N, C-alpha and C. Protein backbone atom coordinates (compact mmCIF):
# COMPACT_ATOMS: atom_id res chain seq x y z
N UNK A 1 92.98 162.60 15.52
CA UNK A 1 92.89 163.22 16.82
C UNK A 1 93.64 162.36 17.84
N UNK A 2 94.46 162.98 18.64
CA UNK A 2 95.19 162.29 19.68
C UNK A 2 94.29 162.16 20.91
N UNK A 3 94.26 160.96 21.46
CA UNK A 3 93.45 160.74 22.66
C UNK A 3 94.32 160.87 23.89
N UNK A 4 93.70 161.26 24.98
CA UNK A 4 94.39 161.40 26.26
C UNK A 4 93.95 160.28 27.20
N UNK A 5 94.83 159.84 28.06
CA UNK A 5 94.43 158.87 29.07
C UNK A 5 93.35 159.47 29.97
N UNK A 6 92.54 158.61 30.52
CA UNK A 6 91.49 159.02 31.46
C UNK A 6 91.69 158.24 32.75
N UNK A 7 91.76 158.94 33.86
CA UNK A 7 91.81 158.30 35.17
C UNK A 7 90.77 159.03 36.03
N UNK A 8 89.77 158.31 36.47
CA UNK A 8 88.71 158.90 37.28
C UNK A 8 88.62 158.18 38.62
N UNK A 9 88.41 158.91 39.68
CA UNK A 9 88.20 158.27 40.99
C UNK A 9 86.83 157.62 41.05
N UNK A 10 86.61 156.72 41.99
CA UNK A 10 85.30 156.07 42.12
C UNK A 10 84.18 157.12 42.21
N UNK A 11 83.11 156.87 41.48
CA UNK A 11 81.95 157.75 41.50
C UNK A 11 82.02 158.93 40.56
N UNK A 12 83.17 159.16 39.91
CA UNK A 12 83.30 160.29 38.99
C UNK A 12 82.70 159.92 37.64
N UNK A 13 82.46 160.93 36.84
CA UNK A 13 81.89 160.75 35.51
C UNK A 13 80.67 161.63 35.35
N UNK A 14 80.00 161.46 34.25
CA UNK A 14 78.80 162.24 33.95
C UNK A 14 77.58 161.40 34.29
N UNK A 15 76.86 161.80 35.35
CA UNK A 15 75.76 161.01 35.90
C UNK A 15 74.42 161.47 35.33
N UNK A 16 73.58 160.48 35.05
CA UNK A 16 72.22 160.72 34.58
C UNK A 16 71.28 159.95 35.50
N UNK A 17 70.42 160.67 36.21
CA UNK A 17 69.45 160.04 37.12
C UNK A 17 68.12 159.88 36.41
N UNK A 18 67.54 158.68 36.57
CA UNK A 18 66.28 158.35 35.90
C UNK A 18 65.37 157.60 36.86
N UNK A 19 65.04 158.22 37.98
CA UNK A 19 64.22 157.54 38.96
C UNK A 19 65.03 156.48 39.66
N UNK A 20 64.63 155.23 39.58
CA UNK A 20 65.34 154.13 40.21
C UNK A 20 66.54 153.64 39.43
N UNK A 21 66.93 154.37 38.40
CA UNK A 21 68.06 154.01 37.55
C UNK A 21 69.03 155.19 37.52
N UNK A 22 70.32 154.88 37.62
CA UNK A 22 71.35 155.92 37.46
C UNK A 22 72.42 155.38 36.51
N UNK A 23 72.77 156.20 35.52
CA UNK A 23 73.85 155.85 34.59
C UNK A 23 74.98 156.87 34.79
N UNK A 24 76.21 156.38 34.76
CA UNK A 24 77.37 157.26 34.85
C UNK A 24 78.30 156.93 33.69
N UNK A 25 78.54 157.92 32.84
CA UNK A 25 79.43 157.74 31.69
C UNK A 25 80.83 158.18 32.07
N UNK A 26 81.80 157.31 31.81
CA UNK A 26 83.19 157.58 32.18
C UNK A 26 84.08 157.81 30.97
N UNK A 27 83.66 157.37 29.80
CA UNK A 27 84.38 157.65 28.56
C UNK A 27 83.34 157.78 27.46
N UNK A 28 83.33 158.95 26.82
CA UNK A 28 82.35 159.24 25.79
C UNK A 28 82.98 159.18 24.41
N UNK A 29 82.14 159.27 23.40
CA UNK A 29 82.62 159.26 22.03
C UNK A 29 83.65 160.32 21.74
N UNK A 30 83.50 161.50 22.36
CA UNK A 30 84.48 162.57 22.13
C UNK A 30 85.85 162.18 22.66
N UNK A 31 85.89 161.35 23.69
CA UNK A 31 87.16 160.94 24.29
C UNK A 31 87.75 159.69 23.64
N UNK A 32 86.93 159.01 22.83
CA UNK A 32 87.37 157.75 22.21
C UNK A 32 87.37 157.83 20.69
N UNK A 33 87.31 159.06 20.16
CA UNK A 33 87.20 159.24 18.70
C UNK A 33 86.00 158.49 18.13
N UNK A 34 84.93 158.39 18.91
CA UNK A 34 83.70 157.75 18.43
C UNK A 34 83.75 156.24 18.42
N UNK A 35 84.81 155.64 18.93
CA UNK A 35 84.96 154.18 18.88
C UNK A 35 84.02 153.47 19.85
N UNK A 36 83.82 154.03 21.04
CA UNK A 36 82.99 153.39 22.05
C UNK A 36 82.61 154.40 23.12
N UNK A 37 81.60 154.05 23.89
CA UNK A 37 81.20 154.80 25.08
C UNK A 37 81.16 153.81 26.23
N UNK A 38 81.66 154.21 27.39
CA UNK A 38 81.69 153.32 28.56
C UNK A 38 80.90 153.97 29.68
N UNK A 39 80.05 153.16 30.31
CA UNK A 39 79.21 153.66 31.39
C UNK A 39 78.91 152.55 32.39
N UNK A 40 78.41 152.97 33.54
CA UNK A 40 77.86 152.03 34.50
C UNK A 40 76.39 152.37 34.67
N UNK A 41 75.58 151.35 34.90
CA UNK A 41 74.15 151.53 35.13
C UNK A 41 73.80 150.80 36.42
N UNK A 42 73.11 151.49 37.31
CA UNK A 42 72.72 150.91 38.60
C UNK A 42 71.22 151.03 38.73
N UNK A 43 70.58 149.92 39.08
CA UNK A 43 69.14 149.89 39.26
C UNK A 43 68.81 149.56 40.70
N UNK A 44 67.86 150.31 41.25
CA UNK A 44 67.35 150.02 42.58
C UNK A 44 66.70 148.64 42.59
N UNK A 45 66.49 148.06 43.76
CA UNK A 45 65.79 146.78 43.84
C UNK A 45 64.42 146.85 43.17
N UNK A 46 64.03 145.75 42.54
CA UNK A 46 62.70 145.60 41.93
C UNK A 46 62.36 146.75 40.99
N UNK A 47 63.27 147.05 40.06
CA UNK A 47 63.10 148.19 39.16
C UNK A 47 63.16 147.74 37.71
N UNK A 48 62.18 148.18 36.93
CA UNK A 48 62.21 147.90 35.49
C UNK A 48 63.25 148.77 34.83
N UNK A 49 63.63 148.38 33.62
CA UNK A 49 64.60 149.15 32.84
C UNK A 49 63.90 149.99 31.80
N UNK A 50 64.54 150.18 30.65
CA UNK A 50 64.01 151.08 29.63
C UNK A 50 62.87 150.49 28.82
N UNK A 51 62.62 149.20 28.92
CA UNK A 51 61.65 148.54 28.06
C UNK A 51 62.36 147.98 26.84
N UNK A 52 61.72 147.04 26.19
CA UNK A 52 62.31 146.39 25.01
C UNK A 52 62.59 147.45 23.94
N UNK A 53 63.82 147.44 23.45
CA UNK A 53 64.24 148.42 22.45
C UNK A 53 65.41 147.86 21.65
N UNK A 54 65.78 148.56 20.62
CA UNK A 54 66.99 148.21 19.86
C UNK A 54 67.60 149.49 19.32
N UNK A 55 68.86 149.42 19.01
CA UNK A 55 69.59 150.55 18.45
C UNK A 55 70.76 149.98 17.66
N UNK A 56 71.40 150.80 16.83
CA UNK A 56 72.45 150.25 15.96
C UNK A 56 73.74 149.86 16.70
N UNK A 57 73.97 150.42 17.89
CA UNK A 57 75.21 150.12 18.61
C UNK A 57 75.16 148.72 19.22
N UNK A 58 76.31 148.05 19.26
CA UNK A 58 76.46 146.85 20.08
C UNK A 58 76.49 147.29 21.53
N UNK A 59 75.90 146.50 22.42
CA UNK A 59 76.01 146.73 23.85
C UNK A 59 76.72 145.55 24.48
N UNK A 60 77.72 145.85 25.29
CA UNK A 60 78.44 144.85 26.06
C UNK A 60 78.15 145.14 27.52
N UNK A 61 77.70 144.13 28.26
CA UNK A 61 77.37 144.29 29.67
C UNK A 61 78.20 143.31 30.50
N UNK A 62 78.66 143.76 31.66
CA UNK A 62 79.26 142.89 32.65
C UNK A 62 78.59 143.23 33.98
N UNK A 63 77.91 142.26 34.57
CA UNK A 63 77.20 142.49 35.82
C UNK A 63 78.23 142.61 36.94
N UNK A 64 78.18 143.73 37.65
CA UNK A 64 79.17 144.01 38.69
C UNK A 64 78.59 143.99 40.10
N UNK A 65 77.27 143.97 40.20
CA UNK A 65 76.61 143.96 41.51
C UNK A 65 75.24 143.32 41.36
N UNK A 66 74.88 142.48 42.32
CA UNK A 66 73.54 141.90 42.34
C UNK A 66 73.28 140.96 41.18
N UNK A 67 72.01 140.87 40.82
CA UNK A 67 71.58 140.06 39.69
C UNK A 67 70.70 140.91 38.79
N UNK A 68 71.11 141.06 37.54
CA UNK A 68 70.34 141.80 36.55
C UNK A 68 69.62 140.77 35.69
N UNK A 69 68.42 141.10 35.24
CA UNK A 69 67.69 140.24 34.30
C UNK A 69 67.75 140.91 32.93
N UNK A 70 68.07 140.12 31.90
CA UNK A 70 68.21 140.63 30.53
C UNK A 70 67.21 139.96 29.61
N UNK A 71 66.57 140.77 28.79
CA UNK A 71 65.76 140.29 27.68
C UNK A 71 66.62 140.41 26.43
N UNK A 72 66.76 139.32 25.70
CA UNK A 72 67.43 139.34 24.41
C UNK A 72 66.51 138.62 23.45
N UNK A 73 66.07 139.34 22.42
CA UNK A 73 65.01 138.89 21.51
C UNK A 73 63.75 138.65 22.34
N UNK A 74 63.35 137.40 22.57
CA UNK A 74 62.11 137.15 23.32
C UNK A 74 62.35 136.30 24.57
N UNK A 75 63.60 136.26 25.04
CA UNK A 75 63.94 135.41 26.20
C UNK A 75 64.58 136.23 27.32
N UNK A 76 64.07 136.05 28.54
CA UNK A 76 64.64 136.67 29.73
C UNK A 76 65.59 135.70 30.40
N UNK A 77 66.75 136.19 30.84
CA UNK A 77 67.71 135.40 31.60
C UNK A 77 68.18 136.22 32.80
N UNK A 78 68.31 135.56 33.96
CA UNK A 78 68.90 136.20 35.12
C UNK A 78 70.41 136.12 35.01
N UNK A 79 71.07 137.21 35.37
CA UNK A 79 72.53 137.31 35.21
C UNK A 79 73.15 137.77 36.53
N UNK A 80 73.75 136.86 37.31
CA UNK A 80 74.41 137.25 38.55
C UNK A 80 75.75 137.92 38.29
N UNK A 81 76.37 138.44 39.34
CA UNK A 81 77.67 139.10 39.25
C UNK A 81 78.63 138.24 38.44
N UNK A 82 79.35 138.91 37.54
CA UNK A 82 80.33 138.24 36.71
C UNK A 82 79.80 137.80 35.36
N UNK A 83 78.47 137.86 35.16
CA UNK A 83 77.89 137.45 33.88
C UNK A 83 78.23 138.47 32.80
N UNK A 84 78.63 137.97 31.64
CA UNK A 84 78.95 138.78 30.46
C UNK A 84 77.81 138.63 29.47
N UNK A 85 77.35 139.75 28.90
CA UNK A 85 76.27 139.74 27.91
C UNK A 85 76.70 140.63 26.75
N UNK A 86 76.62 140.10 25.53
CA UNK A 86 76.87 140.88 24.31
C UNK A 86 75.57 140.93 23.52
N UNK A 87 75.08 142.14 23.27
CA UNK A 87 73.86 142.33 22.48
C UNK A 87 74.27 143.02 21.18
N UNK A 88 74.26 142.28 20.06
CA UNK A 88 74.64 142.90 18.79
C UNK A 88 73.67 144.02 18.41
N UNK A 89 74.18 145.05 17.75
CA UNK A 89 73.34 146.14 17.27
C UNK A 89 72.15 145.61 16.51
N UNK A 90 70.99 146.25 16.71
CA UNK A 90 69.77 145.86 16.02
C UNK A 90 68.97 144.79 16.74
N UNK A 91 69.53 144.20 17.80
CA UNK A 91 68.84 143.13 18.55
C UNK A 91 67.95 143.75 19.62
N UNK A 92 66.72 143.30 19.70
CA UNK A 92 65.79 143.76 20.73
C UNK A 92 66.29 143.27 22.08
N UNK A 93 66.34 144.20 23.06
CA UNK A 93 66.83 143.84 24.38
C UNK A 93 66.24 144.78 25.44
N UNK A 94 66.39 144.38 26.68
CA UNK A 94 65.97 145.15 27.84
C UNK A 94 66.75 144.62 29.02
N UNK A 95 66.72 145.36 30.12
CA UNK A 95 67.32 144.88 31.36
C UNK A 95 66.51 145.44 32.51
N UNK A 96 66.49 144.72 33.62
CA UNK A 96 65.80 145.17 34.81
C UNK A 96 66.35 144.43 36.01
N UNK A 97 66.02 144.95 37.18
CA UNK A 97 66.47 144.33 38.42
C UNK A 97 65.25 143.74 39.10
N UNK A 98 65.13 142.43 39.08
CA UNK A 98 63.99 141.74 39.68
C UNK A 98 64.26 141.32 41.11
N UNK A 99 65.41 141.67 41.64
CA UNK A 99 65.81 141.21 42.97
C UNK A 99 65.49 142.26 44.04
N UNK A 100 65.70 141.86 45.28
CA UNK A 100 65.47 142.75 46.42
C UNK A 100 66.73 143.53 46.82
N UNK A 101 67.77 143.49 46.00
CA UNK A 101 69.02 144.19 46.27
C UNK A 101 69.40 145.03 45.04
N UNK A 102 70.19 146.08 45.19
CA UNK A 102 70.63 146.84 44.02
C UNK A 102 71.39 145.94 43.03
N UNK A 103 71.37 146.33 41.77
CA UNK A 103 72.11 145.62 40.74
C UNK A 103 72.78 146.65 39.83
N UNK A 104 73.94 146.28 39.29
CA UNK A 104 74.68 147.21 38.44
C UNK A 104 75.41 146.47 37.33
N UNK A 105 75.63 147.18 36.23
CA UNK A 105 76.39 146.65 35.11
C UNK A 105 77.41 147.69 34.63
N UNK A 106 78.53 147.20 34.14
CA UNK A 106 79.53 147.97 33.42
C UNK A 106 79.19 147.77 31.96
N UNK A 107 79.10 148.86 31.18
CA UNK A 107 78.59 148.77 29.82
C UNK A 107 79.52 149.47 28.83
N UNK A 108 79.70 148.83 27.69
CA UNK A 108 80.40 149.44 26.56
C UNK A 108 79.45 149.45 25.38
N UNK A 109 79.26 150.61 24.77
CA UNK A 109 78.48 150.72 23.54
C UNK A 109 79.45 151.06 22.42
N UNK A 110 79.36 150.30 21.33
CA UNK A 110 80.24 150.56 20.20
C UNK A 110 79.46 150.46 18.90
N UNK A 111 79.63 151.38 17.96
CA UNK A 111 80.51 152.52 18.08
C UNK A 111 80.03 153.49 19.16
N UNK A 112 80.84 154.50 19.42
CA UNK A 112 80.59 155.44 20.51
C UNK A 112 79.53 156.47 20.21
N UNK A 113 79.45 157.42 21.11
CA UNK A 113 78.52 158.55 21.05
C UNK A 113 77.11 158.22 21.54
N UNK A 114 76.93 157.07 22.19
CA UNK A 114 75.62 156.73 22.74
C UNK A 114 75.17 157.79 23.74
N UNK A 115 76.13 158.40 24.43
CA UNK A 115 75.80 159.40 25.46
C UNK A 115 75.03 160.58 24.89
N UNK A 116 75.11 160.81 23.60
CA UNK A 116 74.34 161.90 22.99
C UNK A 116 72.84 161.68 23.16
N UNK A 117 72.43 160.43 23.32
CA UNK A 117 71.01 160.10 23.50
C UNK A 117 70.54 160.29 24.94
N UNK A 118 71.46 160.45 25.88
CA UNK A 118 71.09 160.45 27.30
C UNK A 118 70.13 161.58 27.70
N UNK A 119 70.26 162.81 27.24
CA UNK A 119 69.26 163.81 27.63
C UNK A 119 67.84 163.40 27.24
N UNK A 120 67.66 162.85 26.05
CA UNK A 120 66.33 162.40 25.63
C UNK A 120 65.88 161.19 26.45
N UNK A 121 66.80 160.31 26.81
CA UNK A 121 66.46 159.15 27.64
C UNK A 121 66.03 159.61 29.03
N UNK A 122 66.73 160.57 29.61
CA UNK A 122 66.35 161.12 30.91
C UNK A 122 64.96 161.74 30.82
N UNK A 123 64.69 162.51 29.76
CA UNK A 123 63.36 163.10 29.58
C UNK A 123 62.30 162.02 29.47
N UNK A 124 62.59 160.94 28.73
CA UNK A 124 61.63 159.85 28.58
C UNK A 124 61.31 159.23 29.94
N UNK A 125 62.34 158.96 30.75
CA UNK A 125 62.13 158.37 32.07
C UNK A 125 61.37 159.33 33.00
N UNK A 126 61.54 160.64 32.82
CA UNK A 126 60.77 161.58 33.64
C UNK A 126 59.27 161.40 33.37
N UNK A 127 58.92 161.14 32.11
CA UNK A 127 57.51 160.94 31.73
C UNK A 127 57.05 159.50 31.92
N UNK A 128 58.00 158.55 31.99
CA UNK A 128 57.70 157.12 32.12
C UNK A 128 58.62 156.53 33.19
N UNK A 129 58.40 156.87 34.47
CA UNK A 129 59.33 156.40 35.51
C UNK A 129 59.39 154.87 35.56
N UNK A 130 60.56 154.34 35.96
CA UNK A 130 60.68 152.89 36.09
C UNK A 130 59.64 152.38 37.07
N UNK A 131 59.09 151.22 36.76
CA UNK A 131 58.10 150.61 37.65
C UNK A 131 58.69 149.45 38.41
N UNK A 132 57.80 148.69 39.03
CA UNK A 132 58.21 147.50 39.76
C UNK A 132 58.45 146.36 38.79
N UNK A 133 59.58 145.73 38.89
CA UNK A 133 59.93 144.61 38.02
C UNK A 133 59.13 143.38 38.41
N UNK A 134 58.78 142.54 37.44
CA UNK A 134 58.05 141.31 37.77
C UNK A 134 58.92 140.38 38.62
N UNK A 135 58.28 139.68 39.52
CA UNK A 135 58.96 138.73 40.39
C UNK A 135 58.92 137.34 39.75
N UNK A 136 59.70 136.40 40.26
CA UNK A 136 59.74 135.05 39.66
C UNK A 136 58.35 134.41 39.56
N UNK A 137 57.45 134.75 40.46
CA UNK A 137 56.10 134.17 40.40
C UNK A 137 55.19 134.93 39.44
N UNK A 138 55.75 135.95 38.73
CA UNK A 138 54.98 136.70 37.75
C UNK A 138 54.28 137.92 38.30
N UNK A 139 54.37 138.17 39.60
CA UNK A 139 53.72 139.32 40.20
C UNK A 139 54.66 140.52 40.22
N UNK A 140 54.12 141.69 40.44
CA UNK A 140 54.91 142.91 40.63
C UNK A 140 54.75 143.33 42.08
N UNK A 141 55.82 143.80 42.69
CA UNK A 141 55.74 144.27 44.08
C UNK A 141 55.07 145.62 44.13
């Protein structure tokens, strides 16, 4: 299959709203022959993420705004703008925004087609809305 170039203006793509979390997919498996999916994820201040989970795809994250907190296996690390995180497929991970400002990441999932899971993820968040992320002192706002 021949692939076509993709040029999108700021804010374009396929958006999925999940309460205090919004994901926008800009290149899906169909556009990359299943090689990868590219998206951005933005979390409101003091917002939990999806919860600890794992999946077969590798996740690559680059923090583009604020400070995101990442769980990898059993350790949480704060990741300011510019931080690169690679989570190999099968590794338990999570992310959340523990700060008082919005936070965002640029994400690549490989192999592609992760976006096929997004309708079910949106449904899950409708039933389990993001909560308040723990603060450095261990409390929730």
